[in-house]
């Protein structure tokens, strides 16, 4: 995974990253249950590449659903992997399931 992807250990750290980011935040939520592991690993690669490509324009955050339950609930996350694009803390785009790099780019480009 790219070094540019933040991995908060808890909700307070997730919220701190959001507060400190001066750019939109691409938060993607992962699960650790058996059916979620492989799709989430694939999204790690996609988001890692996006984090490098959009460095300085987007902050990428990888949040574990079990470690960040308040953020998971706040943004209506119902499955993993899921993502939400946040501008000033407000969700402007979201999706659930495996996405390609092109799909993530398209979502980001429409809001940056």
N, C-alpha and C. Protein backbone atom coordinates (compact mmCIF):
# COMPACT_ATOMS: atom_id res chain seq x y z
N UNK A 1 0.84 -1.18 0.00
CA UNK A 1 0.00 0.00 0.00
C UNK A 1 0.89 1.24 0.00
N UNK A 2 0.41 2.27 -0.66
CA UNK A 2 1.17 3.51 -0.76
C UNK A 2 1.35 4.14 0.62
N UNK A 3 2.46 4.79 0.82
CA UNK A 3 2.73 5.44 2.10
C UNK A 3 1.84 6.66 2.28
N UNK A 4 1.24 7.14 1.20
CA UNK A 4 0.38 8.31 1.27
C UNK A 4 -1.01 8.00 1.83
N UNK A 5 -1.31 6.76 2.09
CA UNK A 5 -2.64 6.39 2.59
C UNK A 5 -2.59 6.33 4.12
N UNK A 6 -3.38 7.18 4.76
CA UNK A 6 -3.45 7.20 6.22
C UNK A 6 -4.28 6.02 6.70
N UNK A 7 -3.89 5.47 7.85
CA UNK A 7 -4.61 4.33 8.42
C UNK A 7 -4.92 4.61 9.89
N UNK A 8 -6.04 5.30 10.14
CA UNK A 8 -6.37 5.62 11.53
C UNK A 8 -6.67 4.36 12.34
N UNK A 9 -6.27 4.41 13.60
CA UNK A 9 -6.49 3.27 14.50
C UNK A 9 -7.83 3.35 15.22
N UNK A 10 -8.48 4.53 15.16
CA UNK A 10 -9.74 4.73 15.86
C UNK A 10 -10.46 5.95 15.28
N UNK A 11 -11.70 6.13 15.70
CA UNK A 11 -12.50 7.24 15.19
C UNK A 11 -11.87 8.60 15.45
N UNK A 12 -11.28 8.81 16.62
CA UNK A 12 -10.69 10.11 16.93
C UNK A 12 -9.57 10.44 15.95
N UNK A 13 -8.78 9.46 15.59
CA UNK A 13 -7.69 9.69 14.64
C UNK A 13 -8.27 9.94 13.23
N UNK A 14 -9.31 9.22 12.85
CA UNK A 14 -10.00 9.45 11.58
C UNK A 14 -10.48 10.90 11.52
N UNK A 15 -11.16 11.35 12.56
CA UNK A 15 -11.68 12.72 12.60
C UNK A 15 -10.56 13.75 12.57
N UNK A 16 -9.44 13.47 13.22
CA UNK A 16 -8.30 14.38 13.20
C UNK A 16 -7.76 14.53 11.79
N UNK A 17 -7.64 13.43 11.06
CA UNK A 17 -7.15 13.48 9.69
C UNK A 17 -8.09 14.33 8.84
N UNK A 18 -9.39 14.13 8.99
CA UNK A 18 -10.36 14.94 8.24
C UNK A 18 -10.20 16.42 8.55
N UNK A 19 -10.07 16.72 9.83
CA UNK A 19 -9.97 18.11 10.26
C UNK A 19 -8.70 18.77 9.73
N UNK A 20 -7.61 18.04 9.67
CA UNK A 20 -6.32 18.61 9.28
C UNK A 20 -6.11 18.64 7.76
N UNK A 21 -6.91 17.92 7.02
CA UNK A 21 -6.73 17.87 5.58
C UNK A 21 -7.23 19.16 4.94
N UNK A 22 -6.38 19.77 4.15
CA UNK A 22 -6.76 20.98 3.44
C UNK A 22 -7.32 20.68 2.06
N UNK A 23 -7.47 19.41 1.75
CA UNK A 23 -7.98 18.97 0.44
C UNK A 23 -9.07 17.93 0.68
N UNK A 24 -9.86 17.59 -0.35
CA UNK A 24 -10.87 16.55 -0.17
C UNK A 24 -10.24 15.24 0.32
N UNK A 25 -11.04 14.45 1.02
CA UNK A 25 -10.58 13.19 1.59
C UNK A 25 -11.29 12.03 0.90
N UNK A 26 -10.52 11.11 0.38
CA UNK A 26 -11.04 9.86 -0.15
C UNK A 26 -10.90 8.83 0.96
N UNK A 27 -12.00 8.56 1.65
CA UNK A 27 -11.99 7.59 2.75
C UNK A 27 -12.56 6.29 2.22
N UNK A 28 -11.79 5.23 2.33
CA UNK A 28 -12.34 3.93 1.96
C UNK A 28 -12.30 3.02 3.16
N UNK A 29 -13.38 2.28 3.28
CA UNK A 29 -13.63 1.46 4.46
C UNK A 29 -13.44 0.00 4.10
N UNK A 30 -12.68 -0.67 4.94
CA UNK A 30 -12.37 -2.08 4.70
C UNK A 30 -12.95 -2.93 5.82
N UNK A 31 -13.16 -4.20 5.50
CA UNK A 31 -13.64 -5.15 6.48
C UNK A 31 -12.62 -6.27 6.65
N UNK A 32 -12.66 -6.91 7.78
CA UNK A 32 -11.70 -7.98 8.06
C UNK A 32 -12.35 -9.35 8.12
N UNK A 33 -13.63 -9.43 7.74
CA UNK A 33 -14.29 -10.72 7.72
C UNK A 33 -13.92 -11.44 6.41
N UNK A 34 -13.99 -12.76 6.38
CA UNK A 34 -13.46 -13.54 5.25
C UNK A 34 -13.88 -13.09 3.86
N UNK A 35 -15.15 -12.79 3.63
CA UNK A 35 -15.59 -12.41 2.29
C UNK A 35 -15.13 -11.02 1.87
N UNK A 36 -14.71 -10.20 2.81
CA UNK A 36 -14.28 -8.84 2.49
C UNK A 36 -12.78 -8.71 2.27
N UNK A 37 -12.01 -9.66 2.74
CA UNK A 37 -10.55 -9.50 2.74
C UNK A 37 -9.99 -9.32 1.33
N UNK A 38 -10.30 -10.19 0.40
CA UNK A 38 -9.72 -10.09 -0.95
C UNK A 38 -10.15 -8.84 -1.69
N UNK A 39 -11.45 -8.51 -1.72
CA UNK A 39 -11.82 -7.26 -2.39
C UNK A 39 -11.18 -6.03 -1.75
N UNK A 40 -11.03 -6.04 -0.44
CA UNK A 40 -10.40 -4.90 0.24
C UNK A 40 -8.92 -4.81 -0.10
N UNK A 41 -8.25 -5.93 -0.23
CA UNK A 41 -6.84 -5.91 -0.64
C UNK A 41 -6.69 -5.35 -2.04
N UNK A 42 -7.62 -5.70 -2.92
CA UNK A 42 -7.59 -5.15 -4.27
C UNK A 42 -7.79 -3.64 -4.24
N UNK A 43 -8.73 -3.17 -3.41
CA UNK A 43 -8.96 -1.73 -3.29
C UNK A 43 -7.76 -1.03 -2.67
N UNK A 44 -7.00 -1.73 -1.84
CA UNK A 44 -5.75 -1.14 -1.32
C UNK A 44 -4.85 -0.72 -2.48
N UNK A 45 -4.74 -1.58 -3.47
CA UNK A 45 -3.89 -1.28 -4.63
C UNK A 45 -4.44 -0.12 -5.44
N UNK A 46 -5.75 -0.13 -5.65
CA UNK A 46 -6.39 0.95 -6.41
C UNK A 46 -6.21 2.28 -5.70
N UNK A 47 -6.56 2.33 -4.43
CA UNK A 47 -6.49 3.59 -3.69
C UNK A 47 -5.04 4.02 -3.47
N UNK A 48 -4.14 3.07 -3.29
CA UNK A 48 -2.73 3.43 -3.17
C UNK A 48 -2.23 4.14 -4.42
N UNK A 49 -2.61 3.64 -5.58
CA UNK A 49 -2.22 4.29 -6.83
C UNK A 49 -2.85 5.66 -6.98
N UNK A 50 -4.11 5.77 -6.59
CA UNK A 50 -4.82 7.05 -6.63
C UNK A 50 -4.15 8.05 -5.68
N UNK A 51 -3.78 7.60 -4.50
CA UNK A 51 -3.13 8.48 -3.52
C UNK A 51 -1.84 9.05 -4.09
N UNK A 52 -1.09 8.24 -4.79
CA UNK A 52 0.16 8.72 -5.40
C UNK A 52 -0.15 9.68 -6.56
N UNK A 53 -1.10 9.30 -7.39
CA UNK A 53 -1.44 10.10 -8.58
C UNK A 53 -2.05 11.45 -8.21
N UNK A 54 -2.85 11.48 -7.16
CA UNK A 54 -3.54 12.70 -6.76
C UNK A 54 -2.90 13.37 -5.55
N UNK A 55 -1.64 13.08 -5.30
CA UNK A 55 -0.93 13.66 -4.15
C UNK A 55 -1.04 15.18 -4.18
N UNK A 56 -1.41 15.73 -3.03
CA UNK A 56 -1.56 17.17 -2.93
C UNK A 56 -2.96 17.66 -3.27
N UNK A 57 -3.75 16.81 -3.93
CA UNK A 57 -5.13 17.19 -4.29
C UNK A 57 -6.17 16.39 -3.51
N UNK A 58 -5.75 15.24 -2.97
CA UNK A 58 -6.65 14.36 -2.22
C UNK A 58 -5.87 13.73 -1.08
N UNK A 59 -6.50 13.60 0.07
CA UNK A 59 -5.95 12.83 1.17
C UNK A 59 -6.67 11.49 1.18
N UNK A 60 -5.92 10.40 1.15
CA UNK A 60 -6.51 9.06 1.16
C UNK A 60 -6.45 8.48 2.58
N UNK A 61 -7.56 7.90 2.99
CA UNK A 61 -7.67 7.31 4.33
C UNK A 61 -8.27 5.92 4.21
N UNK A 62 -7.61 4.95 4.81
CA UNK A 62 -8.08 3.55 4.84
C UNK A 62 -8.59 3.27 6.24
N UNK A 63 -9.90 3.15 6.37
CA UNK A 63 -10.50 2.98 7.69
C UNK A 63 -11.08 1.58 7.85
N UNK A 64 -10.67 0.90 8.90
CA UNK A 64 -11.21 -0.42 9.23
C UNK A 64 -12.57 -0.20 9.91
N UNK A 65 -13.59 -0.82 9.38
CA UNK A 65 -14.95 -0.66 9.89
C UNK A 65 -15.04 -0.96 11.38
N UNK A 66 -14.32 -1.96 11.87
CA UNK A 66 -14.41 -2.31 13.29
C UNK A 66 -13.65 -1.33 14.17
N UNK A 67 -12.66 -0.65 13.64
CA UNK A 67 -11.88 0.31 14.43
C UNK A 67 -12.46 1.72 14.38
N UNK A 68 -13.25 1.99 13.37
CA UNK A 68 -13.84 3.33 13.20
C UNK A 68 -15.36 3.22 13.06
N UNK A 69 -16.03 2.68 14.08
CA UNK A 69 -17.48 2.45 13.95
C UNK A 69 -18.30 3.74 13.83
N UNK A 70 -17.89 4.80 14.48
CA UNK A 70 -18.65 6.05 14.40
C UNK A 70 -18.58 6.63 12.99
N UNK A 71 -17.40 6.62 12.39
CA UNK A 71 -17.26 7.11 11.01
C UNK A 71 -18.04 6.22 10.05
N UNK A 72 -17.99 4.93 10.29
CA UNK A 72 -18.74 3.98 9.46
C UNK A 72 -20.23 4.30 9.49
N UNK A 73 -20.74 4.55 10.67
CA UNK A 73 -22.17 4.87 10.81
C UNK A 73 -22.47 6.26 10.24
N UNK A 74 -21.63 7.22 10.53
CA UNK A 74 -21.85 8.61 10.08
C UNK A 74 -22.01 8.69 8.57
N UNK A 75 -21.23 7.90 7.83
CA UNK A 75 -21.26 7.99 6.38
C UNK A 75 -22.08 6.87 5.73
N UNK A 76 -22.84 6.15 6.54
CA UNK A 76 -23.77 5.16 6.00
C UNK A 76 -23.11 3.99 5.31
N UNK A 77 -21.95 3.59 5.79
CA UNK A 77 -21.22 2.47 5.20
C UNK A 77 -21.93 1.17 5.58
N UNK A 78 -22.29 0.38 4.57
CA UNK A 78 -23.03 -0.85 4.83
C UNK A 78 -22.30 -2.10 4.34
N UNK A 79 -21.15 -1.94 3.71
CA UNK A 79 -20.41 -3.09 3.22
C UNK A 79 -18.96 -2.70 2.98
N UNK A 80 -18.16 -3.69 2.67
CA UNK A 80 -16.75 -3.43 2.44
C UNK A 80 -16.28 -4.20 1.21
N UNK A 81 -15.47 -3.58 0.39
CA UNK A 81 -14.98 -2.21 0.52
C UNK A 81 -16.04 -1.19 0.12
N UNK A 82 -15.97 -0.04 0.74
CA UNK A 82 -16.82 1.11 0.41
C UNK A 82 -15.95 2.35 0.44
N UNK A 83 -16.37 3.37 -0.27
CA UNK A 83 -15.62 4.61 -0.22
C UNK A 83 -16.59 5.78 -0.12
N UNK A 84 -16.08 6.87 0.39
CA UNK A 84 -16.82 8.13 0.42
C UNK A 84 -15.81 9.25 0.16
N UNK A 85 -16.18 10.16 -0.71
CA UNK A 85 -15.35 11.33 -0.98
C UNK A 85 -15.92 12.48 -0.17
N UNK A 86 -15.09 13.07 0.68
CA UNK A 86 -15.52 14.11 1.60
C UNK A 86 -14.88 15.45 1.25
N UNK A 87 -15.70 16.47 1.14
CA UNK A 87 -15.22 17.84 0.96
C UNK A 87 -15.71 18.62 2.16
N UNK A 88 -14.75 19.12 2.94
CA UNK A 88 -15.06 19.85 4.17
C UNK A 88 -15.97 19.03 5.08
N UNK A 89 -15.72 17.73 5.14
CA UNK A 89 -16.45 16.83 6.02
C UNK A 89 -17.77 16.32 5.49
N UNK A 90 -18.22 16.84 4.35
CA UNK A 90 -19.49 16.44 3.77
C UNK A 90 -19.27 15.45 2.64
N UNK A 91 -20.07 14.39 2.61
CA UNK A 91 -19.97 13.38 1.56
C UNK A 91 -20.50 13.95 0.25
N UNK A 92 -19.68 13.87 -0.80
CA UNK A 92 -20.09 14.35 -2.12
C UNK A 92 -20.18 13.21 -3.13
N UNK A 93 -19.61 12.07 -2.80
CA UNK A 93 -19.68 10.88 -3.64
C UNK A 93 -19.45 9.67 -2.76
N UNK A 94 -20.00 8.53 -3.17
CA UNK A 94 -19.79 7.31 -2.39
C UNK A 94 -20.04 6.10 -3.28
N UNK A 95 -19.57 4.98 -2.83
CA UNK A 95 -19.77 3.74 -3.55
C UNK A 95 -19.43 2.55 -2.68
N UNK A 96 -19.97 1.40 -3.06
CA UNK A 96 -19.71 0.17 -2.33
C UNK A 96 -19.31 -0.90 -3.34
N UNK A 97 -18.34 -1.69 -2.96
CA UNK A 97 -17.87 -2.76 -3.82
C UNK A 97 -16.55 -2.41 -4.48
N UNK A 98 -16.04 -3.37 -5.18
CA UNK A 98 -14.77 -3.22 -5.87
C UNK A 98 -14.91 -2.23 -7.01
N UNK A 99 -13.97 -1.30 -7.11
CA UNK A 99 -13.98 -0.31 -8.19
C UNK A 99 -12.63 -0.32 -8.89
N UNK A 100 -12.65 0.02 -10.15
CA UNK A 100 -11.40 0.12 -10.90
C UNK A 100 -10.78 1.49 -10.66
N UNK A 101 -9.52 1.61 -11.02
CA UNK A 101 -8.84 2.90 -10.91
C UNK A 101 -9.58 3.95 -11.74
N UNK A 102 -10.00 3.58 -12.95
CA UNK A 102 -10.72 4.52 -13.82
C UNK A 102 -12.01 4.99 -13.18
N UNK A 103 -12.74 4.11 -12.51
CA UNK A 103 -13.99 4.49 -11.85
C UNK A 103 -13.74 5.46 -10.69
N UNK A 104 -12.69 5.21 -9.93
CA UNK A 104 -12.36 6.11 -8.82
C UNK A 104 -11.93 7.46 -9.37
N UNK A 105 -11.09 7.45 -10.41
CA UNK A 105 -10.67 8.71 -11.04
C UNK A 105 -11.88 9.53 -11.51
N UNK A 106 -12.81 8.87 -12.18
CA UNK A 106 -14.00 9.55 -12.69
C UNK A 106 -14.79 10.20 -11.56
N UNK A 107 -14.94 9.49 -10.47
CA UNK A 107 -15.65 10.04 -9.31
C UNK A 107 -14.91 11.24 -8.73
N UNK A 108 -13.60 11.12 -8.60
CA UNK A 108 -12.80 12.21 -8.04
C UNK A 108 -12.82 13.42 -8.96
N UNK A 109 -12.57 13.21 -10.23
CA UNK A 109 -12.45 14.31 -11.18
C UNK A 109 -13.73 15.14 -11.25
N UNK A 110 -14.87 14.52 -11.00
CA UNK A 110 -16.12 15.24 -11.02
C UNK A 110 -16.31 16.16 -9.83
N UNK A 111 -15.44 16.04 -8.81
CA UNK A 111 -15.61 16.82 -7.59
C UNK A 111 -14.38 17.63 -7.19
N UNK A 112 -13.34 17.55 -7.95
CA UNK A 112 -12.12 18.31 -7.60
C UNK A 112 -12.04 19.59 -8.40
